[in-house]
Protein backbone atom coordinates (compact mmCIF):
# COMPACT_ATOMS: atom_id res chain seq x y z
CA MET A 1 -69.36 21.75 65.38
CA LYS A 2 -71.99 19.91 63.36
CA ILE A 3 -70.36 17.25 61.20
CA GLY A 4 -72.08 15.17 58.56
CA ILE A 5 -70.46 11.99 57.26
CA ILE A 6 -71.70 10.51 54.01
CA GLY A 7 -71.16 6.75 53.95
CA GLY A 8 -71.61 4.02 56.54
CA GLY A 9 -68.62 1.87 55.59
CA SER A 10 -65.52 1.21 57.68
CA ILE A 11 -64.00 4.69 57.31
CA GLY A 12 -67.34 6.44 57.77
CA LEU A 13 -67.99 4.57 61.02
CA LEU A 14 -64.42 5.15 62.26
CA PHE A 15 -64.64 8.91 61.68
CA ALA A 16 -68.15 9.10 63.12
CA GLY A 17 -67.10 7.42 66.35
CA TYR A 18 -63.93 9.35 67.06
CA LEU A 19 -65.30 12.74 65.97
CA ALA A 20 -68.43 12.23 68.11
CA GLU A 21 -66.25 12.63 71.22
CA GLN A 22 -66.02 16.38 70.58
CA HIS A 23 -68.62 17.15 67.92
CA ASP A 24 -72.25 16.70 66.97
CA VAL A 25 -71.99 13.95 64.32
CA THR A 26 -74.62 12.66 61.92
CA ILE A 27 -73.80 9.77 59.59
CA TYR A 28 -75.81 9.51 56.37
CA THR A 29 -76.25 5.89 55.32
CA ARG A 30 -77.44 4.20 52.15
CA THR A 31 -80.03 2.07 53.94
CA GLU A 32 -82.70 2.94 56.46
CA HIS A 33 -81.82 -0.25 58.35
CA GLN A 34 -78.28 0.93 59.10
CA ALA A 35 -79.49 4.39 60.11
CA ASN A 36 -81.97 2.83 62.55
CA GLU A 37 -79.29 0.54 64.02
CA ILE A 38 -76.89 3.45 64.57
CA ASN A 39 -79.59 5.59 66.16
CA LYS A 40 -80.45 2.70 68.47
CA ASN A 41 -76.98 1.37 69.31
CA GLY A 42 -74.48 4.12 68.47
CA VAL A 43 -71.14 3.36 66.77
CA THR A 44 -68.71 0.95 68.43
CA ILE A 45 -64.97 1.01 67.75
CA ASP A 46 -62.92 -2.04 68.72
CA LYS A 47 -59.16 -1.50 69.06
CA GLN A 48 -56.80 -4.17 70.38
CA ASN A 49 -58.35 -5.21 73.70
CA THR A 50 -60.65 -2.22 74.08
CA SER A 51 -64.13 -1.44 72.86
CA LYS A 52 -65.98 1.88 73.10
CA THR A 53 -69.42 2.94 71.92
CA TYR A 54 -70.13 6.52 70.82
CA ARG A 55 -73.47 8.28 70.52
CA VAL A 56 -73.90 9.13 66.85
CA GLN A 57 -77.01 10.31 65.02
CA ALA A 58 -77.90 8.75 61.71
CA ALA A 59 -80.15 9.48 58.76
CA THR A 60 -80.48 8.05 55.28
CA SER A 61 -78.66 9.62 52.35
CA LEU A 62 -82.00 11.12 51.26
CA ALA A 63 -81.95 13.56 54.20
CA SER A 64 -80.84 17.18 53.84
CA VAL A 65 -77.33 18.13 55.03
CA ILE A 66 -78.22 21.85 55.31
CA GLU A 67 -77.62 21.97 59.08
CA GLU A 68 -74.03 20.67 58.87
CA ASP A 69 -70.96 22.90 59.23
CA ILE A 70 -68.83 20.38 57.37
CA VAL A 71 -69.67 17.29 55.33
CA LEU A 72 -67.15 14.47 54.93
CA PHE A 73 -67.53 12.10 52.02
CA ALA A 74 -66.40 8.60 53.02
CA VAL A 75 -67.70 6.66 50.02
CA LYS A 76 -65.84 4.80 47.28
CA GLN A 77 -64.51 6.99 44.49
CA TYR A 78 -66.52 5.25 41.78
CA ILE A 79 -69.87 6.21 43.34
CA LEU A 80 -68.86 9.73 44.38
CA GLU A 81 -70.41 11.53 41.41
CA GLU A 82 -73.77 9.84 42.00
CA VAL A 83 -73.61 10.55 45.74
CA LEU A 84 -72.80 14.22 45.16
CA SER A 85 -75.76 14.65 42.82
CA ASN A 86 -78.10 13.03 45.39
CA THR A 87 -76.91 14.92 48.49
CA LEU A 88 -79.64 17.41 49.34
CA ASP A 89 -78.64 21.03 50.01
CA LEU A 90 -74.91 20.33 49.74
CA GLU A 91 -74.38 23.72 48.12
CA ASN A 92 -75.46 25.34 51.42
CA VAL A 93 -72.70 23.66 53.45
CA HIS A 94 -69.62 25.81 54.09
CA THR A 95 -66.98 23.08 54.08
CA VAL A 96 -66.77 19.74 52.27
CA CYS A 97 -64.01 17.16 52.68
CA PHE A 98 -63.28 14.15 50.46
CA LEU A 99 -61.60 10.99 51.74
CA GLN A 100 -61.40 8.90 48.56
CA ASN A 101 -58.42 6.91 47.29
CA GLY A 102 -56.84 7.81 43.98
CA MET A 103 -57.12 11.08 42.09
CA SER A 104 -59.78 10.60 39.43
CA HIS A 105 -62.27 12.58 41.50
CA ILE A 106 -60.21 15.77 41.84
CA ASN A 107 -61.60 17.39 38.67
CA LEU A 108 -65.11 16.64 39.90
CA ILE A 109 -64.75 18.20 43.35
CA GLU A 110 -62.86 21.26 42.11
CA LYS A 111 -66.07 22.33 40.32
CA LEU A 112 -68.11 22.52 43.54
CA LYS A 113 -69.27 25.96 44.72
CA ASN A 114 -68.73 25.40 48.46
CA PRO A 115 -66.50 28.08 50.07
CA THR A 116 -64.01 25.53 51.44
CA ILE A 117 -63.05 22.27 49.74
CA LEU A 118 -60.71 19.86 51.52
CA VAL A 119 -59.19 16.59 50.43
CA GLY A 120 -58.04 13.99 52.94
CA VAL A 121 -55.69 11.03 53.03
CA VAL A 122 -56.61 8.39 55.60
CA GLU A 123 -53.74 6.27 56.91
CA HIS A 124 -55.82 4.26 59.39
CA GLY A 125 -56.72 0.62 58.96
CA ALA A 126 -60.38 -0.17 59.57
CA LEU A 127 -62.58 -3.21 59.12
CA LYS A 128 -66.37 -3.01 59.29
CA VAL A 129 -67.87 -5.84 61.35
CA ASP A 130 -71.55 -4.97 61.04
CA GLU A 131 -73.84 -1.95 60.62
CA THR A 132 -72.63 -0.22 63.79
CA ARG A 133 -69.26 -1.77 64.67
CA VAL A 134 -65.79 -1.25 63.19
CA ILE A 135 -62.36 -2.62 64.15
CA HIS A 136 -59.58 -0.04 64.20
CA THR A 137 -56.92 -2.38 62.79
CA GLY A 138 -54.17 0.20 62.39
CA VAL A 139 -53.68 3.61 64.01
CA GLY A 140 -52.36 6.22 61.60
CA ARG A 141 -53.08 9.83 60.69
CA THR A 142 -55.51 11.76 58.55
CA LYS A 143 -53.76 14.31 56.36
CA ILE A 144 -55.92 17.16 55.12
CA GLY A 145 -55.05 19.46 52.23
CA VAL A 146 -56.94 22.60 51.20
CA ILE A 147 -58.01 22.78 47.57
CA LYS A 148 -60.04 25.95 48.13
CA GLY A 149 -60.81 28.18 51.12
CA LYS A 150 -59.37 27.91 54.64
CA ASN A 151 -58.47 25.01 56.90
CA GLU A 152 -60.68 26.05 59.79
CA ALA A 153 -62.43 22.70 60.20
CA LEU A 154 -61.39 19.75 62.39
CA GLU A 155 -58.46 21.53 63.98
CA ASP A 156 -58.65 19.50 67.18
CA LYS A 157 -56.72 16.31 67.83
CA THR A 158 -58.18 13.19 69.42
CA PRO A 159 -55.89 10.48 70.84
CA ASP A 160 -55.42 7.68 68.27
CA PHE A 161 -57.10 9.88 65.66
CA SER A 162 -54.90 12.86 64.83
CA ILE A 163 -55.79 15.17 61.95
CA GLU A 164 -53.00 17.19 60.36
CA TYR A 165 -53.18 19.96 57.77
CA PHE A 166 -50.79 20.40 54.87
CA ASP A 167 -50.35 23.36 52.55
CA ASN A 168 -49.60 21.21 49.50
CA TRP A 169 -52.70 19.08 48.93
CA TYR A 170 -51.28 17.65 45.68
CA GLU A 171 -48.24 16.21 47.43
CA ILE A 172 -50.20 14.34 50.11
CA VAL A 173 -52.72 12.99 47.61
CA THR A 174 -50.09 11.81 45.13
CA SER A 175 -48.10 10.15 47.93
CA LYS A 176 -51.16 8.13 48.93
CA LEU A 177 -51.92 7.43 45.27
CA ILE A 178 -48.45 6.01 44.64
CA ALA A 179 -48.56 3.86 47.78
CA ASN A 180 -52.01 2.53 46.86
CA ALA A 181 -50.99 1.98 43.25
CA VAL A 182 -48.04 -0.15 44.31
CA ILE A 183 -49.50 -2.11 47.24
CA ASN A 184 -53.18 -2.65 46.44
CA PRO A 185 -53.09 -4.21 42.95
CA LEU A 186 -50.14 -6.49 43.74
CA THR A 187 -51.65 -7.82 46.98
CA ALA A 188 -54.99 -8.28 45.20
CA LEU A 189 -53.41 -10.18 42.31
CA PHE A 190 -51.13 -12.34 44.49
CA GLY A 191 -53.77 -12.83 47.21
CA VAL A 192 -51.36 -11.87 50.01
CA ARG A 193 -51.24 -9.55 53.00
CA ASN A 194 -49.28 -6.31 52.69
CA GLY A 195 -46.15 -7.51 54.49
CA GLU A 196 -45.55 -10.34 52.05
CA LEU A 197 -44.58 -7.82 49.37
CA LEU A 198 -41.46 -7.18 51.44
CA GLU A 199 -40.89 -10.69 52.78
CA ASN A 200 -41.09 -12.58 49.46
CA ASP A 201 -38.11 -11.71 47.24
CA TYR A 202 -40.04 -12.31 44.01
CA PHE A 203 -43.00 -10.19 45.12
CA HIS A 204 -40.53 -7.53 46.27
CA ASN A 205 -38.93 -7.46 42.81
CA GLN A 206 -42.33 -6.84 41.21
CA MET A 207 -43.13 -4.18 43.80
CA LYS A 208 -39.94 -2.26 42.97
CA ALA A 209 -40.46 -2.61 39.21
CA LEU A 210 -44.03 -1.31 39.49
CA PHE A 211 -42.90 1.56 41.73
CA ASP A 212 -40.21 2.61 39.25
CA GLU A 213 -42.75 2.60 36.44
CA ILE A 214 -45.33 4.64 38.36
CA ILE A 215 -42.91 7.34 39.52
CA SER A 216 -41.82 7.82 35.91
CA VAL A 217 -45.35 9.21 35.42
CA ILE A 218 -46.25 10.74 38.82
CA PRO A 219 -43.74 13.37 40.06
CA CYS A 220 -42.32 12.78 43.55
CA ASN A 221 -39.16 12.51 45.62
CA HIS A 222 -38.19 9.00 44.51
CA GLU A 223 -36.06 7.93 47.47
CA LYS A 224 -38.40 9.38 50.09
CA MET A 225 -41.43 7.86 48.37
CA TRP A 226 -39.89 4.37 48.17
CA GLU A 227 -39.11 4.47 51.88
CA LEU A 228 -42.71 5.54 52.57
CA VAL A 229 -44.14 2.65 50.52
CA LYS A 230 -41.94 0.15 52.38
CA THR A 231 -42.85 1.69 55.74
CA ILE A 232 -46.56 1.39 54.98
CA CYS A 233 -46.06 -2.28 54.09
CA GLU A 234 -44.19 -2.84 57.36
CA ASN A 235 -46.74 -0.99 59.50
CA THR A 236 -49.68 -2.81 57.90
CA ALA A 237 -47.90 -6.13 57.39
CA GLN A 238 -50.78 -8.25 58.70
CA ASN A 239 -53.50 -6.26 56.93
CA LYS A 240 -55.28 -7.17 53.75
CA SER A 241 -55.46 -4.24 51.36
CA SER A 242 -58.93 -2.87 50.60
CA MET A 243 -58.53 -4.01 47.00
CA LEU A 244 -57.77 -7.59 48.04
CA ARG A 245 -60.84 -7.59 50.31
CA ASP A 246 -62.95 -6.21 47.47
CA ILE A 247 -61.75 -8.98 45.14
CA GLU A 248 -62.33 -11.69 47.75
CA GLU A 249 -65.87 -10.47 48.35
CA GLY A 250 -66.70 -10.01 44.66
CA ARG A 251 -67.05 -6.22 44.91
CA LYS A 252 -66.00 -3.52 42.50
CA THR A 253 -62.55 -2.11 43.30
CA GLU A 254 -61.08 1.39 43.09
CA ILE A 255 -58.63 0.35 40.37
CA ASP A 256 -59.93 3.03 37.98
CA ALA A 257 -59.22 5.78 40.51
CA ILE A 258 -55.73 4.44 41.21
CA LEU A 259 -54.01 2.67 38.30
CA GLY A 260 -56.59 4.06 35.86
CA TYR A 261 -55.35 7.55 36.76
CA VAL A 262 -51.72 6.49 36.25
CA LEU A 263 -52.59 5.08 32.81
CA LYS A 264 -54.29 8.33 31.76
CA GLU A 265 -51.29 10.37 32.86
CA ALA A 266 -48.95 7.99 30.99
CA ILE A 267 -50.99 8.46 27.81
CA LYS A 268 -50.70 12.25 28.15
CA MET A 269 -46.91 11.86 28.40
CA SER A 270 -46.72 9.23 25.62
CA LYS A 271 -45.09 6.81 28.08
CA GLU A 272 -45.43 3.06 27.96
CA VAL A 273 -46.30 1.52 31.34
CA VAL A 274 -46.48 -2.21 30.66
CA ILE A 275 -46.64 -3.45 34.26
CA THR A 276 -49.29 -0.90 35.19
CA LYS A 277 -51.44 -1.91 32.22
CA PHE A 278 -51.03 -5.61 33.04
CA LEU A 279 -52.12 -5.06 36.65
CA TYR A 280 -55.00 -2.79 35.66
CA ASP A 281 -56.33 -5.39 33.20
CA SER A 282 -55.83 -8.18 35.74
CA ILE A 283 -57.88 -6.43 38.44
CA LYS A 284 -60.58 -5.45 35.91
CA GLY A 285 -60.65 -9.11 34.91
CA PHE A 286 -61.29 -10.13 38.52
CA GLU A 287 -64.09 -7.57 38.71
CA THR A 288 -65.70 -8.96 35.54
CA LYS A 289 -65.35 -12.48 36.90
CA GLY A 290 -66.89 -11.41 40.21
CA GLY A 291 -64.06 -12.49 42.49
């Protein structure tokens, strides 16, 4: 299968490497420099004490994706609309899959004309080292839900990189949204790794209060979801959340796609979400300040 991956960040490189074991993978990068480096050196994935390099083709984001069977979008949610409008011949690709955090992009992708539209939730931890190398910091799963069409793509399973399909795309996306909405803003504001939300009693109190507020707006199985949030914190205890890393490096965060979505839903329901609003404003303040 010919697979195109839009985005040369940590998740894009991780997917490119693992999928290249069984497929013909091309990664579409923002810069010509990164594309040249990948074409020359491949993509290297470091995991624990192992390191493996995969042969991956690369082109810039200006290249046509018409030859691809499936295109995966591994870019930040806040640039997705721009990337979609600049992706040449996307309408001629049978299957598209979106790996963004949050839910603000769902309305956008539902309008696409492609026969099959998939949405994915990535539970792996990944840290980009340079243009061609990524550290696989946490092995998880990729959950794929079908918004439109059939789930005929990416059926195979690679060790350390399993891909699972779910009938209810809304459930898997909202589960990831709730986990991100609880963990990411708090770790970014407090400047702590994920595990400290469980280890510090005061942080834990705020985590539970935020969770209770969010699930009053986003439907879910409360008990099951709380256990999932805690499990994610335990499994990624030593990791920095992507939002904390964004704040530390003075980058824009995905707060609008995560807590911004919760705020919009709360407004529709005429619910007051004081903690959510405080955290949203706090992270936006960091963005304005530039870290």
